[in-house]
């Protein structure tokens, strides 16, 4: 199934990346990894604490690079 789509994903542990790659294989869409400007801690407990603080504050991390021209896609998958 060819889809004019993009698969945006953030994967801390690699699990979401695997799912994004499966979606890409099925749709032939473009893969785009979302990378925070400041990487999340590799320690699970510290990482989840930081994520909880961001959620409570209603904030989102700055990204290194933003995907361009999202309006050019008919379908956008987002995973994290």
N, C-alpha and C. Protein backbone atom coordinates (compact mmCIF):
# COMPACT_ATOMS: atom_id res chain seq x y z
N UNK A 1 0.86 -1.17 0.00
CA UNK A 1 0.00 0.00 0.00
C UNK A 1 0.90 1.23 0.00
N UNK A 2 0.91 1.98 -1.07
CA UNK A 2 1.66 3.22 -1.12
C UNK A 2 0.77 4.35 -0.62
N UNK A 3 1.31 5.12 0.32
CA UNK A 3 0.59 6.24 0.90
C UNK A 3 1.50 7.46 0.81
N UNK A 4 0.95 8.59 0.41
CA UNK A 4 1.73 9.82 0.45
C UNK A 4 1.74 10.28 1.90
N UNK A 5 2.62 9.66 2.69
CA UNK A 5 2.61 9.92 4.11
C UNK A 5 4.00 10.04 4.69
N UNK A 6 4.01 10.48 5.93
CA UNK A 6 5.24 10.60 6.70
C UNK A 6 5.00 9.97 8.06
N UNK A 7 6.01 9.31 8.57
CA UNK A 7 5.94 8.67 9.88
C UNK A 7 6.90 9.43 10.78
N UNK A 8 6.35 10.21 11.70
CA UNK A 8 7.14 10.96 12.67
C UNK A 8 7.20 10.13 13.94
N UNK A 9 8.39 9.95 14.49
CA UNK A 9 8.47 9.14 15.70
C UNK A 9 9.61 9.60 16.60
N UNK A 10 9.39 9.39 17.89
CA UNK A 10 10.44 9.53 18.90
C UNK A 10 10.54 8.19 19.60
N UNK A 11 11.75 7.70 19.74
CA UNK A 11 11.92 6.38 20.36
C UNK A 11 13.07 6.42 21.35
N UNK A 12 12.74 6.39 22.62
CA UNK A 12 13.76 6.41 23.66
C UNK A 12 14.48 5.07 23.74
N UNK A 13 13.73 3.98 23.67
CA UNK A 13 14.31 2.64 23.86
C UNK A 13 14.51 1.87 22.56
N UNK A 14 13.92 2.35 21.47
CA UNK A 14 14.02 1.64 20.20
C UNK A 14 12.74 0.92 19.80
N UNK A 15 11.81 0.75 20.73
CA UNK A 15 10.56 0.05 20.42
C UNK A 15 9.71 0.81 19.41
N UNK A 16 9.54 2.10 19.63
CA UNK A 16 8.73 2.90 18.71
C UNK A 16 9.38 2.99 17.35
N UNK A 17 10.70 3.01 17.31
CA UNK A 17 11.40 3.02 16.02
C UNK A 17 11.07 1.77 15.21
N UNK A 18 11.04 0.63 15.88
CA UNK A 18 10.71 -0.62 15.19
C UNK A 18 9.29 -0.57 14.60
N UNK A 19 8.36 -0.05 15.36
CA UNK A 19 6.98 0.07 14.88
C UNK A 19 6.92 1.07 13.71
N UNK A 20 7.64 2.18 13.83
CA UNK A 20 7.67 3.18 12.75
C UNK A 20 8.23 2.56 11.46
N UNK A 21 9.24 1.73 11.59
CA UNK A 21 9.83 1.07 10.43
C UNK A 21 8.85 0.09 9.79
N UNK A 22 8.06 -0.60 10.60
CA UNK A 22 7.04 -1.50 10.07
C UNK A 22 5.99 -0.70 9.30
N UNK A 23 5.55 0.41 9.87
CA UNK A 23 4.58 1.27 9.18
C UNK A 23 5.18 1.77 7.87
N UNK A 24 6.45 2.14 7.90
CA UNK A 24 7.11 2.64 6.69
C UNK A 24 7.16 1.56 5.62
N UNK A 25 7.46 0.32 6.02
CA UNK A 25 7.50 -0.78 5.05
C UNK A 25 6.13 -1.03 4.43
N UNK A 26 5.09 -0.90 5.24
CA UNK A 26 3.73 -1.17 4.76
C UNK A 26 3.20 -0.04 3.88
N UNK A 27 3.57 1.21 4.21
CA UNK A 27 3.00 2.36 3.51
C UNK A 27 3.95 2.99 2.50
N UNK A 28 5.23 2.69 2.65
CA UNK A 28 6.29 3.32 1.85
C UNK A 28 6.35 4.82 2.07
N UNK A 29 5.88 5.24 3.23
CA UNK A 29 5.96 6.65 3.60
C UNK A 29 7.38 7.02 4.01
N UNK A 30 7.57 8.29 4.26
CA UNK A 30 8.88 8.80 4.67
C UNK A 30 9.02 8.67 6.19
N UNK A 31 10.17 8.20 6.64
CA UNK A 31 10.46 8.13 8.08
C UNK A 31 11.12 9.42 8.52
N UNK A 32 10.73 9.92 9.68
CA UNK A 32 11.36 11.11 10.24
C UNK A 32 11.46 10.93 11.74
N UNK A 33 12.68 10.82 12.24
CA UNK A 33 12.90 10.67 13.68
C UNK A 33 12.90 12.03 14.36
N UNK A 34 12.07 12.17 15.37
CA UNK A 34 12.02 13.39 16.17
C UNK A 34 13.09 13.29 17.25
N UNK A 35 14.04 14.24 17.24
CA UNK A 35 15.14 14.21 18.21
C UNK A 35 15.09 15.47 19.06
N UNK A 36 14.98 15.31 20.39
CA UNK A 36 14.99 16.50 21.24
C UNK A 36 16.36 17.19 21.20
N UNK A 37 16.34 18.52 21.28
CA UNK A 37 17.60 19.28 21.28
C UNK A 37 18.48 18.86 22.44
N UNK A 38 17.86 18.62 23.58
CA UNK A 38 18.57 18.08 24.75
C UNK A 38 18.08 16.65 24.94
N UNK A 39 18.95 15.68 24.73
CA UNK A 39 18.52 14.28 24.84
C UNK A 39 17.96 13.96 26.22
N UNK A 40 17.00 13.05 26.24
CA UNK A 40 16.47 12.58 27.51
C UNK A 40 17.52 11.71 28.21
N UNK A 41 17.49 11.68 29.55
CA UNK A 41 18.44 10.83 30.28
C UNK A 41 18.28 9.37 29.90
N UNK A 42 19.36 8.62 29.89
CA UNK A 42 19.32 7.20 29.55
C UNK A 42 18.81 6.35 30.72
N UNK A 43 18.89 6.87 31.92
CA UNK A 43 18.37 6.17 33.09
C UNK A 43 16.84 6.25 33.06
N UNK A 44 16.18 5.09 33.10
CA UNK A 44 14.72 5.03 32.95
C UNK A 44 13.99 5.87 34.00
N UNK A 45 14.36 5.73 35.26
CA UNK A 45 13.67 6.45 36.33
C UNK A 45 13.83 7.96 36.19
N UNK A 46 15.02 8.39 35.87
CA UNK A 46 15.29 9.82 35.70
C UNK A 46 14.53 10.35 34.49
N UNK A 47 14.50 9.56 33.43
CA UNK A 47 13.80 9.96 32.20
C UNK A 47 12.30 10.10 32.44
N UNK A 48 11.70 9.13 33.11
CA UNK A 48 10.26 9.19 33.35
C UNK A 48 9.91 10.35 34.29
N UNK A 49 10.77 10.64 35.24
CA UNK A 49 10.54 11.78 36.13
C UNK A 49 10.55 13.09 35.32
N UNK A 50 11.51 13.23 34.43
CA UNK A 50 11.57 14.43 33.59
C UNK A 50 10.33 14.53 32.71
N UNK A 51 9.92 13.42 32.12
CA UNK A 51 8.73 13.42 31.26
C UNK A 51 7.48 13.80 32.06
N UNK A 52 7.34 13.29 33.27
CA UNK A 52 6.20 13.64 34.12
C UNK A 52 6.19 15.13 34.43
N UNK A 53 7.36 15.70 34.68
CA UNK A 53 7.46 17.14 34.96
C UNK A 53 7.04 17.96 33.74
N UNK A 54 7.46 17.51 32.56
CA UNK A 54 7.08 18.22 31.33
C UNK A 54 5.57 18.15 31.11
N UNK A 55 4.99 16.99 31.33
CA UNK A 55 3.55 16.83 31.16
C UNK A 55 2.80 17.72 32.14
N UNK A 56 3.22 17.72 33.40
CA UNK A 56 2.56 18.53 34.42
C UNK A 56 2.65 20.02 34.09
N UNK A 57 3.76 20.43 33.51
CA UNK A 57 3.97 21.84 33.17
C UNK A 57 3.34 22.21 31.82
N UNK A 58 2.88 21.20 31.09
CA UNK A 58 2.31 21.46 29.77
C UNK A 58 3.36 21.88 28.75
N UNK A 59 4.59 21.46 28.98
CA UNK A 59 5.68 21.85 28.07
C UNK A 59 6.07 20.68 27.17
N UNK A 60 6.71 21.02 26.09
CA UNK A 60 7.23 20.02 25.17
C UNK A 60 8.68 20.36 24.88
N UNK A 61 9.51 19.35 24.65
CA UNK A 61 10.92 19.62 24.40
C UNK A 61 11.15 20.27 23.03
N UNK A 62 12.15 21.10 22.97
CA UNK A 62 12.57 21.67 21.69
C UNK A 62 13.18 20.55 20.86
N UNK A 63 12.91 20.56 19.57
CA UNK A 63 13.45 19.54 18.68
C UNK A 63 14.67 20.07 17.94
N UNK A 64 15.61 19.16 17.64
CA UNK A 64 16.80 19.54 16.86
C UNK A 64 16.41 20.04 15.49
N UNK A 65 15.57 19.27 14.82
CA UNK A 65 15.13 19.59 13.46
C UNK A 65 13.63 19.32 13.38
N UNK A 66 12.93 20.23 12.73
CA UNK A 66 11.50 20.04 12.51
C UNK A 66 11.26 19.50 11.11
N UNK A 67 10.25 18.65 10.95
CA UNK A 67 9.91 18.19 9.59
C UNK A 67 9.34 19.37 8.80
N UNK A 68 9.69 19.43 7.53
CA UNK A 68 9.23 20.52 6.68
C UNK A 68 8.06 20.08 5.81
N UNK A 69 7.24 21.02 5.48
CA UNK A 69 6.17 20.83 4.50
C UNK A 69 5.22 19.70 4.84
N UNK A 70 4.78 19.64 6.08
CA UNK A 70 3.83 18.59 6.46
C UNK A 70 2.53 18.69 5.67
N UNK A 71 2.21 19.86 5.19
CA UNK A 71 0.97 20.03 4.41
C UNK A 71 1.02 19.27 3.08
N UNK A 72 2.21 18.84 2.67
CA UNK A 72 2.36 18.11 1.41
C UNK A 72 1.99 16.63 1.54
N UNK A 73 1.73 16.16 2.76
CA UNK A 73 1.42 14.75 2.98
C UNK A 73 -0.08 14.56 3.16
N UNK A 74 -0.57 13.45 2.63
CA UNK A 74 -1.98 13.11 2.80
C UNK A 74 -2.23 12.42 4.14
N UNK A 75 -1.19 11.80 4.69
CA UNK A 75 -1.32 11.03 5.92
C UNK A 75 -0.09 11.25 6.79
N UNK A 76 -0.31 11.52 8.07
CA UNK A 76 0.80 11.72 9.01
C UNK A 76 0.59 10.78 10.18
N UNK A 77 1.58 9.90 10.39
CA UNK A 77 1.59 9.01 11.55
C UNK A 77 2.52 9.63 12.58
N UNK A 78 2.12 9.61 13.85
CA UNK A 78 2.96 10.14 14.92
C UNK A 78 3.03 9.09 16.02
N UNK A 79 4.24 8.76 16.45
CA UNK A 79 4.39 7.77 17.51
C UNK A 79 5.50 8.15 18.47
N UNK A 80 5.29 7.79 19.72
CA UNK A 80 6.34 8.00 20.74
C UNK A 80 6.19 6.97 21.83
